[in-house]
Amino acid sequence: MMENKTQFIIVEFFLVLVLFLLFLFFFQKFLFLQKISTPQISTYQTLYEKFIYLSQNGNSSCLTAFRESILSINYFYVNKKTKKSKKNWFNKLNNEESIEKLALIHLMDLGIDFNYLTGKKVLEIGAGKAIIAKAAKKKGIEGIVSLDAYSEVEEELKNLGLPFVRAYTEELPFPDETFDLVLSHAGPPIISSSKEKVKKVIFEVKRILKEGGEFRFGPGSLNANIFTQEELFTPEEYKSFTQKQRIERIKQKSIEFLKSIDPNIDQKETKLGHHFQIFYILKKRRMLKNKNFLLIKISLIFQLIFLFLHRLALFF
């Protein structure tokens, strides 16, 4: 009787061990992300929010690895129903179909699709591995310029005949009014480390946008580190707010700050799966090429009204 009980305990132990190992295997990426240290204000709950934090506080190799883990998990999300996952999901990004799906996710995060790029001169800042440009070329959409401070894909893009510019977004090396559309997916100004850098990025992008052009950036709110704790919360709120309330407050402060830079910046919402996330649009309004022309028209209208009233007075 005692021997049977011992055997049962051993079997039960091994079953628990197997289940635990399976858990580690399937959630290794998740566990890795949870080990990333976060600042005192615990608001970094999504992949992109952790990416923002690492971009400001991690070294370049750690940041690159994290970018790849984001893309790997995105790939797994898209393909989990049709393909069996492997240990190194990121290697599958060489597959054209996978790149196209990831690029579409990035575009959907910004409220658009590939059709929206057609016929426009497009710049992507913080382009990373230039997934959007690669996928767009396969669809016959040429000329998307990829810009990043790191040159990890420069040679690859040159071999593909795709334009790449190595530069910082605070100093864009383009003439005024060059692009119809500027995109930034999980790049500046979302990951910018100070209010001053956010302003510089927006002013620079606005400068290179054509009249009527758009700057779409996101997903998610601005880096919370650009705000002080006092700007975000009262002492009572800091103690009592839930994580969800903290994230909502950062969203609120982000759009308020962005609108203080340019009132034409709007916050939008997009749905991916069952989740809603925000992004931003800056539309550069069309300006009159000759402001004096409007004044002349108004002056002529008033003169015509005066002449009409004068003639009317003489008639009576």
C-alpha atoms as a PDB file:
ATOM      1  CA  MET A   1       0.000   0.000   0.000  1.00  0.00           C
ATOM      2  CA  MET A   2       2.818   2.341   0.941  1.00  0.00           C
ATOM      3  CA  GLU A   3       4.710   1.424  -2.208  1.00  0.00           C
ATOM      4  CA  ASN A   4       1.725   2.308  -4.451  1.00  0.00           C
ATOM      5  CA  LYS A   5       1.388   5.670  -2.735  1.00  0.00           C
ATOM      6  CA  THR A   6       5.079   6.432  -3.312  1.00  0.00           C
ATOM      7  CA  GLN A   7       4.774   5.538  -7.006  1.00  0.00           C
ATOM      8  CA  PHE A   8       1.727   7.783  -7.333  1.00  0.00           C
ATOM      9  CA  ILE A   9       3.623  10.730  -5.787  1.00  0.00           C
ATOM     10  CA  ILE A  10       6.576  10.191  -8.161  1.00  0.00           C
ATOM     11  CA  VAL A  11       4.303  10.089 -11.232  1.00  0.00           C
ATOM     12  CA  GLU A  12       2.483  13.185 -10.058  1.00  0.00           C
ATOM     13  CA  PHE A  13       5.809  14.978  -9.530  1.00  0.00           C
ATOM     14  CA  PHE A  14       6.986  14.176 -13.074  1.00  0.00           C
ATOM     15  CA  LEU A  15       3.681  15.343 -14.578  1.00  0.00           C
ATOM     16  CA  VAL A  16       3.974  18.684 -12.782  1.00  0.00           C
ATOM     17  CA  LEU A  17       7.587  18.985 -13.941  1.00  0.00           C
ATOM     18  CA  VAL A  18       6.619  18.329 -17.580  1.00  0.00           C
ATOM     19  CA  LEU A  19       3.828  20.916 -17.421  1.00  0.00           C
ATOM     20  CA  PHE A  20       6.226  23.448 -15.924  1.00  0.00           C
ATOM     21  CA  LEU A  21       8.808  22.864 -18.676  1.00  0.00           C
ATOM     22  CA  LEU A  22       6.122  23.260 -21.347  1.00  0.00           C
ATOM     23  CA  PHE A  23       5.055  26.510 -19.737  1.00  0.00           C
ATOM     24  CA  LEU A  24       8.653  27.818 -19.864  1.00  0.00           C
ATOM     25  CA  PHE A  25       9.022  26.762 -23.502  1.00  0.00           C
ATOM     26  CA  PHE A  26       5.875  28.444 -24.816  1.00  0.00           C
ATOM     27  CA  PHE A  27       6.186  31.586 -22.730  1.00  0.00           C
ATOM     28  CA  GLN A  28       9.922  32.167 -22.858  1.00  0.00           C
ATOM     29  CA  LYS A  29       9.493  35.425 -24.765  1.00  0.00           C
ATOM     30  CA  PHE A  30       6.900  36.642 -22.300  1.00  0.00           C
ATOM     31  CA  LEU A  31       9.133  35.747 -19.340  1.00  0.00           C
ATOM     32  CA  PHE A  32      12.060  37.553 -20.967  1.00  0.00           C
ATOM     33  CA  LEU A  33      10.017  40.716 -21.351  1.00  0.00           C
ATOM     34  CA  GLN A  34       8.867  40.565 -17.744  1.00  0.00           C
ATOM     35  CA  LYS A  35      12.494  40.598 -16.561  1.00  0.00           C
ATOM     36  CA  ILE A  36      13.052  44.028 -18.110  1.00  0.00           C
ATOM     37  CA  SER A  37      13.329  46.554 -15.304  1.00  0.00           C
ATOM     38  CA  THR A  38      10.897  49.451 -15.459  1.00  0.00           C
ATOM     39  CA  PRO A  39      10.911  52.903 -13.871  1.00  0.00           C
ATOM     40  CA  GLN A  40       9.130  53.762 -10.632  1.00  0.00           C
ATOM     41  CA  ILE A  41       5.931  54.786 -12.430  1.00  0.00           C
ATOM     42  CA  SER A  42       4.644  51.382 -13.451  1.00  0.00           C
ATOM     43  CA  THR A  43       2.994  52.232 -16.768  1.00  0.00           C
ATOM     44  CA  TYR A  44       4.981  50.174 -19.267  1.00  0.00           C
ATOM     45  CA  GLN A  45       2.550  47.303 -19.793  1.00  0.00           C
ATOM     46  CA  THR A  46       2.705  46.736 -23.547  1.00  0.00           C
ATOM     47  CA  LEU A  47       5.515  45.612 -25.804  1.00  0.00           C
ATOM     48  CA  TYR A  48       5.823  49.024 -27.364  1.00  0.00           C
ATOM     49  CA  GLU A  49       5.915  50.759 -23.973  1.00  0.00           C
ATOM     50  CA  LYS A  50       8.784  48.482 -22.900  1.00  0.00           C
ATOM     51  CA  PHE A  51      10.446  49.252 -26.248  1.00  0.00           C
ATOM     52  CA  ILE A  52      10.166  52.969 -25.446  1.00  0.00           C
ATOM     53  CA  TYR A  53      11.792  52.462 -22.062  1.00  0.00           C
ATOM     54  CA  LEU A  54      14.661  50.397 -23.488  1.00  0.00           C
ATOM     55  CA  SER A  55      15.289  52.948 -26.225  1.00  0.00           C
ATOM     56  CA  GLN A  56      16.102  55.530 -23.588  1.00  0.00           C
ATOM     57  CA  ASN A  57      17.812  53.357 -20.963  1.00  0.00           C
ATOM     58  CA  GLY A  58      19.214  50.276 -22.690  1.00  0.00           C
ATOM     59  CA  ASN A  59      22.351  49.861 -24.789  1.00  0.00           C
ATOM     60  CA  SER A  60      22.092  49.551 -28.561  1.00  0.00           C
ATOM     61  CA  SER A  61      22.553  45.760 -28.668  1.00  0.00           C
ATOM     62  CA  CYS A  62      19.787  45.275 -26.089  1.00  0.00           C
ATOM     63  CA  LEU A  63      17.499  47.600 -28.064  1.00  0.00           C
ATOM     64  CA  THR A  64      18.155  45.727 -31.314  1.00  0.00           C
ATOM     65  CA  ALA A  65      17.411  42.399 -29.626  1.00  0.00           C
ATOM     66  CA  PHE A  66      14.191  43.784 -28.227  1.00  0.00           C
ATOM     67  CA  ARG A  67      13.101  45.121 -31.638  1.00  0.00           C
ATOM     68  CA  GLU A  68      13.631  41.616 -33.011  1.00  0.00           C
ATOM     69  CA  SER A  69      11.643  40.054 -30.161  1.00  0.00           C
ATOM     70  CA  ILE A  70       8.731  42.412 -30.903  1.00  0.00           C
ATOM     71  CA  LEU A  71       8.785  41.411 -34.561  1.00  0.00           C
ATOM     72  CA  SER A  72       9.061  37.739 -33.609  1.00  0.00           C
ATOM     73  CA  ILE A  73       6.035  37.917 -31.337  1.00  0.00           C
ATOM     74  CA  ASN A  74       4.087  39.861 -33.991  1.00  0.00           C
ATOM     75  CA  TYR A  75       4.953  37.120 -36.443  1.00  0.00           C
ATOM     76  CA  PHE A  76       3.772  34.446 -34.006  1.00  0.00           C
ATOM     77  CA  TYR A  77       0.502  36.357 -33.457  1.00  0.00           C
ATOM     78  CA  VAL A  78      -0.182  36.488 -37.199  1.00  0.00           C
ATOM     79  CA  ASN A  79       0.847  32.946 -38.033  1.00  0.00           C
ATOM     80  CA  LYS A  80      -0.021  30.938 -34.912  1.00  0.00           C
ATOM     81  CA  LYS A  81      -3.181  29.464 -36.499  1.00  0.00           C
ATOM     82  CA  THR A  82      -1.537  28.368 -39.734  1.00  0.00           C
ATOM     83  CA  LYS A  83       2.089  27.511 -39.049  1.00  0.00           C
ATOM     84  CA  LYS A  84       3.956  25.713 -36.340  1.00  0.00           C
ATOM     85  CA  SER A  85       6.252  28.065 -34.419  1.00  0.00           C
ATOM     86  CA  LYS A  86       9.975  27.435 -34.104  1.00  0.00           C
ATOM     87  CA  LYS A  87      12.519  28.570 -31.538  1.00  0.00           C
ATOM     88  CA  ASN A  88      13.858  31.349 -33.728  1.00  0.00           C
ATOM     89  CA  TRP A  89      10.719  33.033 -35.083  1.00  0.00           C
ATOM     90  CA  PHE A  90      12.661  36.052 -36.281  1.00  0.00           C
ATOM     91  CA  ASN A  91      14.425  34.043 -38.991  1.00  0.00           C
ATOM     92  CA  LYS A  92      11.036  33.705 -40.692  1.00  0.00           C
ATOM     93  CA  LEU A  93      11.096  37.438 -41.460  1.00  0.00           C
ATOM     94  CA  ASN A  94      13.112  36.537 -44.528  1.00  0.00           C
ATOM     95  CA  ASN A  95       9.923  35.082 -45.873  1.00  0.00           C
ATOM     96  CA  GLU A  96       8.226  37.635 -48.163  1.00  0.00           C
ATOM     97  CA  GLU A  97       4.723  36.742 -46.992  1.00  0.00           C
ATOM     98  CA  SER A  98       5.719  37.252 -43.360  1.00  0.00           C
ATOM     99  CA  ILE A  99       7.292  40.632 -44.089  1.00  0.00           C
ATOM    100  CA  GLU A 100       4.130  41.729 -45.872  1.00  0.00           C
ATOM    101  CA  LYS A 101       1.955  40.706 -42.925  1.00  0.00           C
ATOM    102  CA  LEU A 102       4.163  42.520 -40.440  1.00  0.00           C
ATOM    103  CA  ALA A 103       4.256  45.629 -42.615  1.00  0.00           C
ATOM    104  CA  LEU A 104       0.467  45.585 -42.828  1.00  0.00           C
ATOM    105  CA  ILE A 105       0.265  45.375 -39.007  1.00  0.00           C
ATOM    106  CA  HIS A 106       2.561  48.409 -38.763  1.00  0.00           C
ATOM    107  CA  LEU A 107       0.429  50.350 -41.239  1.00  0.00           C
ATOM    108  CA  MET A 108      -2.803  49.335 -39.506  1.00  0.00           C
ATOM    109  CA  ASP A 109      -1.304  50.572 -36.227  1.00  0.00           C
ATOM    110  CA  LEU A 110      -1.213  53.970 -37.941  1.00  0.00           C
ATOM    111  CA  GLY A 111      -4.716  53.715 -39.415  1.00  0.00           C
ATOM    112  CA  ILE A 112      -3.791  53.003 -43.048  1.00  0.00           C
ATOM    113  CA  ASP A 113      -2.975  50.203 -45.489  1.00  0.00           C
ATOM    114  CA  PHE A 114      -0.774  49.770 -48.576  1.00  0.00           C
ATOM    115  CA  ASN A 115      -3.277  51.517 -50.858  1.00  0.00           C
ATOM    116  CA  TYR A 116      -2.814  54.708 -48.858  1.00  0.00           C
ATOM    117  CA  LEU A 117       0.857  54.831 -49.914  1.00  0.00           C
ATOM    118  CA  THR A 118       0.139  54.731 -53.644  1.00  0.00           C
ATOM    119  CA  GLY A 119       1.055  57.880 -55.542  1.00  0.00           C
ATOM    120  CA  LYS A 120       2.658  59.542 -52.509  1.00  0.00           C
ATOM    121  CA  LYS A 121       6.238  60.427 -51.720  1.00  0.00           C
ATOM    122  CA  VAL A 122       6.707  58.628 -48.395  1.00  0.00           C
ATOM    123  CA  LEU A 123       9.347  58.809 -45.667  1.00  0.00           C
ATOM    124  CA  GLU A 124       9.523  56.397 -42.734  1.00  0.00           C
ATOM    125  CA  ILE A 125      11.559  57.668 -39.787  1.00  0.00           C
ATOM    126  CA  GLY A 126      12.938  55.244 -37.214  1.00  0.00           C
ATOM    127  CA  ALA A 127      12.497  52.626 -39.933  1.00  0.00           C
ATOM    128  CA  GLY A 128      14.574  49.892 -38.247  1.00  0.00           C
ATOM    129  CA  LYS A 129      14.618  46.955 -40.689  1.00  0.00           C
ATOM    130  CA  ALA A 130      12.564  48.920 -43.251  1.00  0.00           C
ATOM    131  CA  ILE A 131       9.794  46.312 -43.353  1.00  0.00           C
ATOM    132  CA  ILE A 132       7.260  48.747 -44.821  1.00  0.00           C
ATOM    133  CA  ALA A 133       9.548  49.757 -47.707  1.00  0.00           C
ATOM    134  CA  LYS A 134      10.392  46.117 -48.498  1.00  0.00           C
ATOM    135  CA  ALA A 135       6.774  44.978 -48.500  1.00  0.00           C
ATOM    136  CA  ALA A 136       5.604  48.015 -50.476  1.00  0.00           C
ATOM    137  CA  LYS A 137       8.119  47.355 -53.237  1.00  0.00           C
ATOM    138  CA  LYS A 138       6.761  43.811 -53.643  1.00  0.00           C
ATOM    139  CA  LYS A 139       3.347  45.401 -54.181  1.00  0.00           C
ATOM    140  CA  GLY A 140       4.704  47.768 -56.830  1.00  0.00           C
ATOM    141  CA  ILE A 141       4.866  50.840 -54.578  1.00  0.00           C
ATOM    142  CA  GLU A 142       8.274  52.360 -55.222  1.00  0.00           C
ATOM    143  CA  GLY A 143      10.322  55.134 -53.680  1.00  0.00           C
ATOM    144  CA  ILE A 144       9.592  54.870 -49.953  1.00  0.00           C
ATOM    145  CA  VAL A 145      12.570  56.410 -48.185  1.00  0.00           C
ATOM    146  CA  SER A 146      13.679  54.678 -44.960  1.00  0.00           C
ATOM    147  CA  LEU A 147      15.515  56.740 -42.338  1.00  0.00           C
ATOM    148  CA  ASP A 148      17.180  55.478 -39.177  1.00  0.00           C
ATOM    149  CA  ALA A 149      20.090  56.446 -36.936  1.00  0.00           C
ATOM    150  CA  TYR A 150      21.493  52.899 -37.259  1.00  0.00           C
ATOM    151  CA  SER A 151      22.732  51.430 -40.526  1.00  0.00           C
ATOM    152  CA  GLU A 152      22.061  47.728 -39.905  1.00  0.00           C
ATOM    153  CA  VAL A 153      20.046  47.350 -43.130  1.00  0.00           C
ATOM    154  CA  GLU A 154      21.737  49.991 -45.306  1.00  0.00           C
ATOM    155  CA  GLU A 155      23.608  47.529 -47.541  1.00  0.00           C
ATOM    156  CA  GLU A 156      20.611  45.211 -47.843  1.00  0.00           C
ATOM    157  CA  LEU A 157      18.333  48.065 -48.941  1.00  0.00           C
ATOM    158  CA  LYS A 158      20.884  49.327 -51.458  1.00  0.00           C
ATOM    159  CA  ASN A 159      21.037  45.842 -52.979  1.00  0.00           C
ATOM    160  CA  LEU A 160      17.239  45.884 -53.211  1.00  0.00           C
ATOM    161  CA  GLY A 161      17.290  49.325 -54.841  1.00  0.00           C
ATOM    162  CA  LEU A 162      15.531  50.952 -51.899  1.00  0.00           C
ATOM    163  CA  PRO A 163      16.608  54.390 -50.643  1.00  0.00           C
ATOM    164  CA  PHE A 164      18.035  54.547 -47.111  1.00  0.00           C
ATOM    165  CA  VAL A 165      19.205  57.617 -45.193  1.00  0.00           C
ATOM    166  CA  ARG A 166      21.231  57.403 -42.002  1.00  0.00           C
ATOM    167  CA  ALA A 167      20.313  60.410 -39.867  1.00  0.00           C
ATOM    168  CA  TYR A 168      18.684  61.579 -36.655  1.00  0.00           C
ATOM    169  CA  THR A 169      15.083  62.746 -36.816  1.00  0.00           C
ATOM    170  CA  GLU A 170      15.895  65.973 -34.954  1.00  0.00           C
ATOM    171  CA  GLU A 171      17.886  67.072 -38.045  1.00  0.00           C
ATOM    172  CA  LEU A 172      16.308  65.673 -41.191  1.00  0.00           C
ATOM    173  CA  PRO A 173      18.565  66.067 -44.255  1.00  0.00           C
ATOM    174  CA  PHE A 174      15.796  67.012 -46.705  1.00  0.00           C
ATOM    175  CA  PRO A 175      14.642  70.290 -48.291  1.00  0.00           C
ATOM    176  CA  ASP A 176      11.400  71.949 -47.212  1.00  0.00           C
ATOM    177  CA  GLU A 177       8.139  70.429 -48.502  1.00  0.00           C
ATOM    178  CA  THR A 178       9.629  67.189 -49.850  1.00  0.00           C
ATOM    179  CA  PHE A 179       7.196  64.462 -48.712  1.00  0.00           C
ATOM    180  CA  ASP A 180       3.450  63.844 -48.912  1.00  0.00           C
ATOM    181  CA  LEU A 181       3.462  61.369 -46.023  1.00  0.00           C
ATOM    182  CA  VAL A 182       5.823  60.726 -43.106  1.00  0.00           C
ATOM    183  CA  LEU A 183       5.406  57.580 -40.971  1.00  0.00           C
ATOM    184  CA  SER A 184       6.904  56.602 -37.629  1.00  0.00           C
ATOM    185  CA  HIS A 185       6.030  53.226 -36.146  1.00  0.00           C
ATOM    186  CA  ALA A 186       7.381  52.812 -32.586  1.00  0.00           C
ATOM    187  CA  GLY A 187       9.936  55.496 -33.377  1.00  0.00           C
ATOM    188  CA  PRO A 188      10.397  59.229 -32.738  1.00  0.00           C
ATOM    189  CA  PRO A 189       8.676  61.231 -31.346  1.00  0.00           C
ATOM    190  CA  ILE A 190       6.973  58.364 -29.423  1.00  0.00           C
ATOM    191  CA  ILE A 191      10.322  57.156 -28.052  1.00  0.00           C
ATOM    192  CA  SER A 192      11.939  60.601 -27.718  1.00  0.00           C
ATOM    193  CA  SER A 193      13.517  61.106 -24.301  1.00  0.00           C
ATOM    194  CA  SER A 194      12.609  64.770 -23.667  1.00  0.00           C
ATOM    195  CA  LYS A 195       9.981  67.357 -24.503  1.00  0.00           C
ATOM    196  CA  GLU A 196      12.578  69.319 -26.428  1.00  0.00           C
ATOM    197  CA  LYS A 197      13.342  66.335 -28.674  1.00  0.00           C
ATOM    198  CA  VAL A 198       9.629  65.735 -29.276  1.00  0.00           C
ATOM    199  CA  LYS A 199       9.282  69.362 -30.393  1.00  0.00           C
ATOM    200  CA  LYS A 200      12.330  69.159 -32.657  1.00  0.00           C
ATOM    201  CA  VAL A 201      11.059  66.005 -34.379  1.00  0.00           C
ATOM    202  CA  ILE A 202       7.611  67.500 -34.989  1.00  0.00           C
ATOM    203  CA  PHE A 203       9.015  70.821 -36.264  1.00  0.00           C
ATOM    204  CA  GLU A 204      11.438  69.009 -38.579  1.00  0.00           C
ATOM    205  CA  VAL A 205       8.776  66.679 -39.977  1.00  0.00           C
ATOM    206  CA  LYS A 206       6.399  69.585 -40.473  1.00  0.00           C
ATOM    207  CA  ARG A 207       9.131  71.442 -42.363  1.00  0.00           C
ATOM    208  CA  ILE A 208       9.701  68.620 -44.863  1.00  0.00           C
ATOM    209  CA  LEU A 209       5.977  67.900 -45.350  1.00  0.00           C
ATOM    210  CA  LYS A 210       4.247  69.318 -48.402  1.00  0.00           C
ATOM    211  CA  GLU A 211       1.140  71.431 -47.897  1.00  0.00           C
ATOM    212  CA  GLY A 212      -1.727  69.055 -47.213  1.00  0.00           C
ATOM    213  CA  GLY A 213       0.744  66.334 -46.165  1.00  0.00           C
ATOM    214  CA  GLU A 214       0.448  64.076 -43.111  1.00  0.00           C
ATOM    215  CA  PHE A 215       2.651  62.828 -40.302  1.00  0.00           C
ATOM    216  CA  ARG A 216       1.337  59.623 -38.712  1.00  0.00           C
ATOM    217  CA  PHE A 217       3.092  58.333 -35.615  1.00  0.00           C
ATOM    218  CA  GLY A 218       2.459  55.773 -32.879  1.00  0.00           C
ATOM    219  CA  PRO A 219       1.214  53.406 -31.618  1.00  0.00           C
ATOM    220  CA  GLY A 220       0.759  54.397 -27.999  1.00  0.00           C
ATOM    221  CA  SER A 221       1.309  57.581 -26.056  1.00  0.00           C
ATOM    222  CA  LEU A 222       4.517  59.571 -25.645  1.00  0.00           C
ATOM    223  CA  ASN A 223       7.363  58.336 -23.471  1.00  0.00           C
ATOM    224  CA  ALA A 224       6.182  58.927 -19.872  1.00  0.00           C
ATOM    225  CA  ASN A 225       9.730  59.869 -18.869  1.00  0.00           C
ATOM    226  CA  ILE A 226       9.378  63.270 -20.565  1.00  0.00           C
ATOM    227  CA  PHE A 227       6.879  64.250 -17.858  1.00  0.00           C
ATOM    228  CA  THR A 228       7.648  64.752 -14.200  1.00  0.00           C
ATOM    229  CA  GLN A 229       5.721  62.784 -11.621  1.00  0.00           C
ATOM    230  CA  GLU A 230       4.122  66.050 -10.472  1.00  0.00           C
ATOM    231  CA  GLU A 231       2.909  66.754 -14.020  1.00  0.00           C
ATOM    232  CA  LEU A 232       1.236  63.372 -14.235  1.00  0.00           C
ATOM    233  CA  PHE A 233      -0.248  62.800 -10.808  1.00  0.00           C
ATOM    234  CA  THR A 234      -1.155  64.496  -7.578  1.00  0.00           C
ATOM    235  CA  PRO A 235       0.333  62.766  -4.492  1.00  0.00           C
ATOM    236  CA  GLU A 236      -3.054  61.149  -3.796  1.00  0.00           C
ATOM    237  CA  GLU A 237      -3.401  59.949  -7.403  1.00  0.00           C
ATOM    238  CA  TYR A 238       0.113  58.534  -7.422  1.00  0.00           C
ATOM    239  CA  LYS A 239      -0.734  56.360  -4.414  1.00  0.00           C
ATOM    240  CA  SER A 240      -4.224  55.298  -5.468  1.00  0.00           C
ATOM    241  CA  PHE A 241      -4.207  55.074  -9.296  1.00  0.00           C
ATOM    242  CA  THR A 242      -4.362  51.670 -10.932  1.00  0.00           C
ATOM    243  CA  GLN A 243      -2.090  50.822 -13.865  1.00  0.00           C
ATOM    244  CA  LYS A 244      -4.957  51.429 -16.268  1.00  0.00           C
ATOM    245  CA  GLN A 245      -5.589  54.879 -14.778  1.00  0.00           C
ATOM    246  CA  ARG A 246      -1.894  55.727 -15.038  1.00  0.00           C
ATOM    247  CA  ILE A 247      -1.818  54.777 -18.713  1.00  0.00           C
ATOM    248  CA  GLU A 248      -4.973  56.824 -19.398  1.00  0.00           C
ATOM    249  CA  ARG A 249      -3.431  59.844 -17.657  1.00  0.00           C
ATOM    250  CA  ILE A 250      -0.269  59.567 -19.762  1.00  0.00           C
ATOM    251  CA  LYS A 251      -2.449  59.415 -22.893  1.00  0.00           C
ATOM    252  CA  GLN A 252      -4.236  62.568 -21.760  1.00  0.00           C
ATOM    253  CA  LYS A 253      -1.007  64.438 -20.996  1.00  0.00           C
ATOM    254  CA  SER A 254       0.531  63.286 -24.276  1.00  0.00           C
ATOM    255  CA  ILE A 255      -2.202  64.737 -26.484  1.00  0.00           C
ATOM    256  CA  GLU A 256      -2.296  67.936 -24.417  1.00  0.00           C
ATOM    257  CA  PHE A 257       1.451  68.404 -24.894  1.00  0.00           C
ATOM    258  CA  LEU A 258       1.309  67.554 -28.608  1.00  0.00           C
ATOM    259  CA  LYS A 259      -1.516  70.043 -29.197  1.00  0.00           C
ATOM    260  CA  SER A 260       0.522  72.714 -27.398  1.00  0.00           C
ATOM    261  CA  ILE A 261       3.182  72.155 -30.081  1.00  0.00           C
ATOM    262  CA  ASP A 262       0.705  72.133 -32.975  1.00  0.00           C
ATOM    263  CA  PRO A 263      -3.113  72.335 -32.583  1.00  0.00           C
ATOM    264  CA  ASN A 264      -3.493  70.338 -35.821  1.00  0.00           C
ATOM    265  CA  ILE A 265      -2.283  67.132 -34.142  1.00  0.00           C
ATOM    266  CA  ASP A 266      -5.166  64.726 -33.510  1.00  0.00           C
ATOM    267  CA  GLN A 267      -5.338  61.516 -31.506  1.00  0.00           C
ATOM    268  CA  LYS A 268      -6.951  58.565 -33.286  1.00  0.00           C
ATOM    269  CA  GLU A 269      -7.747  54.996 -32.320  1.00  0.00           C
ATOM    270  CA  THR A 270      -7.209  51.800 -34.265  1.00  0.00           C
ATOM    271  CA  LYS A 271      -8.314  48.250 -33.512  1.00  0.00           C
ATOM    272  CA  LEU A 272      -6.016  45.245 -33.808  1.00  0.00           C
ATOM    273  CA  GLY A 273      -7.712  42.010 -32.837  1.00  0.00           C
ATOM    274  CA  HIS A 274      -9.673  42.723 -29.661  1.00  0.00           C
ATOM    275  CA  HIS A 275      -7.435  45.588 -28.575  1.00  0.00           C
ATOM    276  CA  PHE A 276      -7.677  49.321 -29.247  1.00  0.00           C
ATOM    277  CA  GLN A 277      -4.562  51.462 -29.381  1.00  0.00           C
ATOM    278  CA  ILE A 278      -3.937  55.099 -30.158  1.00  0.00           C
ATOM    279  CA  PHE A 279      -1.857  56.888 -32.762  1.00  0.00           C
ATOM    280  CA  TYR A 280      -1.476  60.504 -33.845  1.00  0.00           C
ATOM    281  CA  ILE A 281      -1.922  62.457 -37.064  1.00  0.00           C
ATOM    282  CA  LEU A 282      -0.445  65.857 -37.877  1.00  0.00           C
ATOM    283  CA  LYS A 283      -1.930  67.398 -41.024  1.00  0.00           C
ATOM    284  CA  LYS A 284      -0.059  70.303 -42.560  1.00  0.00           C
ATOM    285  CA  ARG A 285      -2.677  72.784 -43.651  1.00  0.00           C
ATOM    286  CA  ARG A 286      -2.563  74.359 -47.077  1.00  0.00           C
ATOM    287  CA  MET A 287      -1.476  77.966 -46.949  1.00  0.00           C
ATOM    288  CA  LEU A 288      -2.267  80.752 -49.419  1.00  0.00           C
ATOM    289  CA  LYS A 289       0.766  81.264 -51.606  1.00  0.00           C
ATOM    290  CA  ASN A 290       0.134  84.995 -51.567  1.00  0.00           C
ATOM    291  CA  LYS A 291      -1.456  86.190 -48.365  1.00  0.00           C
ATOM    292  CA  ASN A 292      -1.933  89.642 -49.871  1.00  0.00           C
ATOM    293  CA  PHE A 293      -4.225  88.126 -52.499  1.00  0.00           C
ATOM    294  CA  LEU A 294      -6.906  87.501 -49.857  1.00  0.00           C
ATOM    295  CA  LEU A 295      -6.621  91.060 -48.588  1.00  0.00           C
ATOM    296  CA  ILE A 296      -6.990  92.408 -52.135  1.00  0.00           C
ATOM    297  CA  LYS A 297     -10.134  90.325 -52.698  1.00  0.00           C
ATOM    298  CA  ILE A 298     -11.683  91.550 -49.436  1.00  0.00           C
ATOM    299  CA  SER A 299     -10.806  95.150 -50.330  1.00  0.00           C
ATOM    300  CA  LEU A 300     -12.430  94.858 -53.776  1.00  0.00           C
ATOM    301  CA  ILE A 301     -15.602  93.361 -52.284  1.00  0.00           C
ATOM    302  CA  PHE A 302     -15.942  96.257 -49.850  1.00  0.00           C
ATOM    303  CA  GLN A 303     -15.357  98.776 -52.643  1.00  0.00           C
ATOM    304  CA  LEU A 304     -18.073  97.170 -54.753  1.00  0.00           C
ATOM    305  CA  ILE A 305     -20.507  97.252 -51.825  1.00  0.00           C
ATOM    306  CA  PHE A 306     -19.661 100.918 -51.194  1.00  0.00           C
ATOM    307  CA  LEU A 307     -20.214 101.835 -54.860  1.00  0.00           C
ATOM    308  CA  PHE A 308     -23.512  99.946 -54.912  1.00  0.00           C
ATOM    309  CA  LEU A 309     -24.778 101.738 -51.798  1.00  0.00           C
ATOM    310  CA  HIS A 310     -23.562 105.104 -53.160  1.00  0.00           C
ATOM    311  CA  ARG A 311     -25.450 104.597 -56.470  1.00  0.00           C
ATOM    312  CA  LEU A 312     -28.512 103.439 -54.542  1.00  0.00           C
ATOM    313  CA  ALA A 313     -28.425 106.635 -52.432  1.00  0.00           C
ATOM    314  CA  LEU A 314     -28.175 108.868 -55.560  1.00  0.00           C
ATOM    315  CA  PHE A 315     -31.102 107.072 -57.188  1.00  0.00           C
ATOM    316  CA  PHE A 316     -33.401 107.855 -54.257  1.00  0.00           C
END
